[in-house]
Amino acid sequence: MTPSEIHYIAFRKPPFGKRGYDEDDVDAFLDKLERFFKSPGSQELSVDDVRNVVFRKPPIGKRGYDTGDVDDFLDQVITEWPEAGAHQNGLMFGKSFQAHS
């Protein structure tokens, strides 16, 4: 996983009538991940932070990011986590993410 891959990741919108994850919440977390992957020792971020992150639903009328796309990407981040990926393979995220900042 490179900082560039994190920076340029694009997520689909959920199907019409569905609300995914709040885009601002996801983008803020991706910014943290990108900074960490640029310099792993410079920031306090752990694989548990990725495993336990939760995102709010987007405001009414907004669709946000597709939950499956975001969850799959975070699973990939964990498998490629510096010094942690080997024993984190296969981790799957639930569908009940709600944000905390």
N, C-alpha and C. Protein backbone atom coordinates (compact mmCIF):
# COMPACT_ATOMS: atom_id res chain seq x y z
N MET A 1 0.86 -1.17 0.00
CA MET A 1 0.00 0.00 0.00
C MET A 1 0.90 1.23 0.00
N THR A 2 0.64 2.13 -0.92
CA THR A 2 1.43 3.35 -0.99
C THR A 2 0.56 4.55 -0.61
N PRO A 3 1.19 5.64 -0.18
CA PRO A 3 0.42 6.84 0.11
C PRO A 3 -0.38 7.31 -1.12
N SER A 4 0.20 7.12 -2.30
CA SER A 4 -0.48 7.52 -3.53
C SER A 4 -1.76 6.70 -3.75
N GLU A 5 -1.69 5.40 -3.49
CA GLU A 5 -2.89 4.56 -3.63
C GLU A 5 -4.00 5.02 -2.68
N ILE A 6 -3.61 5.41 -1.48
CA ILE A 6 -4.60 5.90 -0.53
C ILE A 6 -5.16 7.24 -0.99
N HIS A 7 -4.27 8.12 -1.45
CA HIS A 7 -4.68 9.46 -1.86
C HIS A 7 -5.67 9.43 -3.03
N TYR A 8 -5.42 8.54 -3.98
CA TYR A 8 -6.21 8.53 -5.21
C TYR A 8 -7.33 7.49 -5.24
N ILE A 9 -7.60 6.84 -4.13
CA ILE A 9 -8.68 5.86 -4.11
C ILE A 9 -10.01 6.56 -4.41
N ALA A 10 -10.85 5.92 -5.18
CA ALA A 10 -12.17 6.45 -5.50
C ALA A 10 -13.20 5.39 -5.16
N PHE A 11 -14.24 5.81 -4.47
CA PHE A 11 -15.31 4.90 -4.08
C PHE A 11 -16.57 5.22 -4.86
N ARG A 12 -17.31 4.19 -5.18
CA ARG A 12 -18.60 4.37 -5.85
C ARG A 12 -19.62 4.91 -4.85
N LYS A 13 -20.72 5.40 -5.39
CA LYS A 13 -21.88 5.78 -4.59
C LYS A 13 -22.69 4.51 -4.33
N PRO A 14 -23.40 4.44 -3.21
CA PRO A 14 -24.28 3.29 -2.99
C PRO A 14 -25.46 3.35 -3.96
N PRO A 15 -26.20 2.27 -4.08
CA PRO A 15 -27.37 2.27 -4.96
C PRO A 15 -28.36 3.38 -4.56
N PHE A 16 -29.12 3.84 -5.54
CA PHE A 16 -30.14 4.85 -5.26
C PHE A 16 -31.06 4.36 -4.14
N GLY A 17 -31.39 5.27 -3.24
CA GLY A 17 -32.24 4.93 -2.12
C GLY A 17 -31.48 4.43 -0.91
N LYS A 18 -30.17 4.22 -1.05
CA LYS A 18 -29.33 3.74 0.06
C LYS A 18 -28.37 4.86 0.46
N ARG A 19 -28.01 4.86 1.73
CA ARG A 19 -27.00 5.81 2.22
C ARG A 19 -25.80 5.02 2.68
N GLY A 20 -24.65 5.43 2.23
CA GLY A 20 -23.41 4.77 2.59
C GLY A 20 -22.76 5.44 3.78
N TYR A 21 -21.46 5.68 3.67
CA TYR A 21 -20.69 6.35 4.72
C TYR A 21 -20.51 7.82 4.36
N ASP A 22 -20.48 8.66 5.37
CA ASP A 22 -20.28 10.09 5.18
C ASP A 22 -18.92 10.32 4.51
N GLU A 23 -18.92 11.05 3.41
CA GLU A 23 -17.70 11.25 2.63
C GLU A 23 -16.65 12.03 3.42
N ASP A 24 -17.07 13.04 4.18
CA ASP A 24 -16.10 13.83 4.96
C ASP A 24 -15.41 12.97 6.01
N ASP A 25 -16.17 12.09 6.67
CA ASP A 25 -15.58 11.19 7.68
C ASP A 25 -14.55 10.26 7.05
N VAL A 26 -14.93 9.65 5.94
CA VAL A 26 -14.04 8.71 5.26
C VAL A 26 -12.80 9.45 4.76
N ASP A 27 -12.99 10.60 4.13
CA ASP A 27 -11.86 11.36 3.61
C ASP A 27 -10.89 11.78 4.72
N ALA A 28 -11.42 12.19 5.86
CA ALA A 28 -10.56 12.58 6.99
C ALA A 28 -9.73 11.40 7.47
N PHE A 29 -10.34 10.22 7.53
CA PHE A 29 -9.60 9.04 7.96
C PHE A 29 -8.56 8.65 6.92
N LEU A 30 -8.90 8.76 5.65
CA LEU A 30 -7.94 8.44 4.59
C LEU A 30 -6.74 9.39 4.65
N ASP A 31 -6.98 10.65 5.00
CA ASP A 31 -5.87 11.60 5.15
C ASP A 31 -4.91 11.12 6.24
N LYS A 32 -5.46 10.63 7.36
CA LYS A 32 -4.61 10.08 8.43
C LYS A 32 -3.82 8.88 7.93
N LEU A 33 -4.50 8.00 7.21
CA LEU A 33 -3.81 6.81 6.67
C LEU A 33 -2.70 7.20 5.72
N GLU A 34 -2.97 8.15 4.86
CA GLU A 34 -1.97 8.57 3.89
C GLU A 34 -0.74 9.13 4.61
N ARG A 35 -0.95 9.98 5.62
CA ARG A 35 0.18 10.52 6.38
C ARG A 35 0.97 9.40 7.06
N PHE A 36 0.24 8.42 7.61
CA PHE A 36 0.90 7.30 8.28
C PHE A 36 1.75 6.50 7.30
N PHE A 37 1.20 6.18 6.14
CA PHE A 37 1.94 5.36 5.17
C PHE A 37 3.11 6.13 4.56
N LYS A 38 3.05 7.48 4.58
CA LYS A 38 4.21 8.26 4.13
C LYS A 38 5.35 8.14 5.13
N SER A 39 5.01 8.10 6.41
CA SER A 39 6.02 8.07 7.46
C SER A 39 5.46 7.31 8.67
N PRO A 40 5.52 5.97 8.64
CA PRO A 40 4.86 5.14 9.66
C PRO A 40 5.21 5.46 11.11
N GLY A 41 6.41 5.90 11.40
CA GLY A 41 6.77 6.16 12.78
C GLY A 41 6.38 7.54 13.27
N SER A 42 5.93 8.40 12.37
CA SER A 42 5.70 9.80 12.73
C SER A 42 4.32 10.06 13.31
N GLN A 43 3.43 9.13 13.20
CA GLN A 43 2.06 9.36 13.62
C GLN A 43 1.55 8.17 14.41
N GLU A 44 0.80 8.47 15.43
CA GLU A 44 0.23 7.38 16.23
C GLU A 44 -1.06 6.90 15.57
N LEU A 45 -0.94 5.82 14.87
CA LEU A 45 -2.07 5.19 14.22
C LEU A 45 -1.76 3.70 14.23
N SER A 46 -2.74 2.91 14.59
CA SER A 46 -2.50 1.47 14.68
C SER A 46 -3.48 0.73 13.79
N VAL A 47 -3.16 -0.52 13.56
CA VAL A 47 -4.06 -1.38 12.80
C VAL A 47 -5.41 -1.48 13.52
N ASP A 48 -5.40 -1.39 14.85
CA ASP A 48 -6.66 -1.40 15.59
C ASP A 48 -7.50 -0.17 15.29
N ASP A 49 -6.85 0.97 15.04
CA ASP A 49 -7.59 2.17 14.65
C ASP A 49 -8.33 1.95 13.34
N VAL A 50 -7.69 1.24 12.42
CA VAL A 50 -8.35 0.93 11.14
C VAL A 50 -9.47 -0.08 11.38
N ARG A 51 -9.19 -1.08 12.17
CA ARG A 51 -10.18 -2.12 12.45
C ARG A 51 -11.42 -1.53 13.14
N ASN A 52 -11.23 -0.54 14.00
CA ASN A 52 -12.32 -0.04 14.84
C ASN A 52 -12.93 1.27 14.36
N VAL A 53 -12.45 1.83 13.27
CA VAL A 53 -13.00 3.10 12.81
C VAL A 53 -14.49 2.93 12.46
N VAL A 54 -15.25 3.97 12.74
CA VAL A 54 -16.67 3.98 12.39
C VAL A 54 -16.98 5.30 11.69
N PHE A 55 -17.91 5.25 10.79
CA PHE A 55 -18.29 6.42 10.01
C PHE A 55 -19.78 6.67 10.13
N ARG A 56 -20.14 7.94 10.18
CA ARG A 56 -21.56 8.32 10.21
C ARG A 56 -22.20 8.07 8.85
N LYS A 57 -23.51 8.06 8.86
CA LYS A 57 -24.25 8.08 7.60
C LYS A 57 -24.16 9.50 7.06
N PRO A 58 -24.24 9.68 5.74
CA PRO A 58 -24.21 11.04 5.19
C PRO A 58 -25.52 11.77 5.52
N PRO A 59 -25.51 13.08 5.38
CA PRO A 59 -26.74 13.84 5.61
C PRO A 59 -27.87 13.34 4.70
N ILE A 60 -29.09 13.53 5.16
CA ILE A 60 -30.26 13.16 4.35
C ILE A 60 -30.14 13.84 2.98
N GLY A 61 -30.41 13.09 1.95
CA GLY A 61 -30.33 13.61 0.59
C GLY A 61 -28.97 13.34 -0.07
N LYS A 62 -28.00 12.91 0.71
CA LYS A 62 -26.68 12.56 0.18
C LYS A 62 -26.52 11.05 0.24
N ARG A 63 -25.78 10.49 -0.71
CA ARG A 63 -25.59 9.05 -0.74
C ARG A 63 -24.29 8.61 -0.09
N GLY A 64 -23.28 9.48 -0.09
CA GLY A 64 -22.00 9.12 0.51
C GLY A 64 -21.24 8.11 -0.33
N TYR A 65 -20.33 7.39 0.34
CA TYR A 65 -19.53 6.36 -0.32
C TYR A 65 -20.14 4.99 -0.06
N ASP A 66 -20.03 4.13 -1.04
CA ASP A 66 -20.52 2.76 -0.91
C ASP A 66 -19.81 2.05 0.25
N THR A 67 -20.57 1.50 1.17
CA THR A 67 -19.99 0.86 2.36
C THR A 67 -19.11 -0.33 2.00
N GLY A 68 -19.53 -1.12 1.04
CA GLY A 68 -18.75 -2.28 0.63
C GLY A 68 -17.39 -1.89 0.06
N ASP A 69 -17.37 -0.83 -0.77
CA ASP A 69 -16.10 -0.36 -1.33
C ASP A 69 -15.15 0.10 -0.23
N VAL A 70 -15.68 0.90 0.70
CA VAL A 70 -14.84 1.41 1.79
C VAL A 70 -14.35 0.26 2.66
N ASP A 71 -15.25 -0.64 3.04
CA ASP A 71 -14.87 -1.78 3.89
C ASP A 71 -13.81 -2.64 3.21
N ASP A 72 -13.98 -2.91 1.92
CA ASP A 72 -13.00 -3.72 1.19
C ASP A 72 -11.64 -3.03 1.16
N PHE A 73 -11.64 -1.73 0.96
CA PHE A 73 -10.38 -1.00 0.94
C PHE A 73 -9.70 -1.04 2.31
N LEU A 74 -10.46 -0.85 3.37
CA LEU A 74 -9.88 -0.90 4.71
C LEU A 74 -9.35 -2.30 5.03
N ASP A 75 -10.02 -3.33 4.55
CA ASP A 75 -9.49 -4.69 4.70
C ASP A 75 -8.13 -4.82 4.01
N GLN A 76 -8.03 -4.24 2.82
CA GLN A 76 -6.76 -4.28 2.09
C GLN A 76 -5.68 -3.51 2.84
N VAL A 77 -6.03 -2.36 3.39
CA VAL A 77 -5.07 -1.57 4.18
C VAL A 77 -4.52 -2.43 5.32
N ILE A 78 -5.40 -3.14 6.00
CA ILE A 78 -4.96 -3.96 7.14
C ILE A 78 -4.03 -5.08 6.69
N THR A 79 -4.34 -5.72 5.57
CA THR A 79 -3.48 -6.81 5.12
C THR A 79 -2.11 -6.30 4.71
N GLU A 80 -2.02 -5.04 4.35
CA GLU A 80 -0.75 -4.46 3.91
C GLU A 80 -0.15 -3.55 4.98
N TRP A 81 -0.68 -3.59 6.19
CA TRP A 81 -0.19 -2.73 7.27
C TRP A 81 1.27 -3.04 7.57
N PRO A 82 2.10 -2.01 7.69
CA PRO A 82 3.51 -2.25 8.01
C PRO A 82 3.65 -3.06 9.30
N GLU A 83 4.37 -4.17 9.22
CA GLU A 83 4.68 -5.03 10.36
C GLU A 83 3.47 -5.71 10.98
N ALA A 84 2.29 -5.59 10.39
CA ALA A 84 1.11 -6.19 11.01
C ALA A 84 0.31 -7.04 10.04
N GLY A 85 0.51 -6.87 8.75
CA GLY A 85 -0.35 -7.52 7.78
C GLY A 85 -0.38 -9.02 7.86
N ALA A 86 0.72 -9.64 8.19
CA ALA A 86 0.79 -11.10 8.14
C ALA A 86 -0.24 -11.77 9.02
N HIS A 87 -0.49 -11.24 10.21
CA HIS A 87 -1.46 -11.89 11.09
C HIS A 87 -2.83 -11.22 11.05
N GLN A 88 -3.02 -10.23 10.18
CA GLN A 88 -4.30 -9.56 10.06
C GLN A 88 -5.08 -10.02 8.82
N ASN A 89 -4.49 -10.86 7.99
CA ASN A 89 -5.17 -11.29 6.76
C ASN A 89 -6.53 -11.90 7.08
N GLY A 90 -7.48 -11.59 6.23
CA GLY A 90 -8.81 -12.17 6.38
C GLY A 90 -9.75 -11.36 7.25
N LEU A 91 -9.29 -10.25 7.83
CA LEU A 91 -10.18 -9.45 8.68
C LEU A 91 -11.28 -8.84 7.82
N MET A 92 -12.47 -8.96 8.27
CA MET A 92 -13.59 -8.37 7.55
C MET A 92 -14.28 -7.35 8.43
N PHE A 93 -14.79 -6.30 7.85
CA PHE A 93 -15.48 -5.25 8.57
C PHE A 93 -16.98 -5.50 8.56
N GLY A 94 -17.64 -5.05 9.60
CA GLY A 94 -19.10 -5.13 9.67
C GLY A 94 -19.73 -4.04 8.84
N LYS A 95 -21.03 -4.03 8.80
CA LYS A 95 -21.77 -3.07 8.00
C LYS A 95 -22.36 -1.95 8.84
N SER A 96 -21.99 -1.85 10.12
CA SER A 96 -22.66 -0.89 11.00
C SER A 96 -21.77 0.27 11.40
N PHE A 97 -20.95 0.77 10.48
CA PHE A 97 -20.05 1.87 10.80
C PHE A 97 -20.85 3.14 11.08
N GLN A 98 -20.53 3.82 12.15
CA GLN A 98 -21.02 5.16 12.46
C GLN A 98 -19.82 5.94 12.94
N ALA A 99 -19.72 7.21 12.61
CA ALA A 99 -18.47 7.95 12.80
C ALA A 99 -18.20 8.38 14.21
N HIS A 100 -16.91 8.44 14.51
CA HIS A 100 -16.39 9.17 15.65
C HIS A 100 -15.17 9.90 15.15
N SER A 101 -14.91 11.09 15.66
CA SER A 101 -13.81 11.88 15.12
C SER A 101 -12.60 11.80 16.00
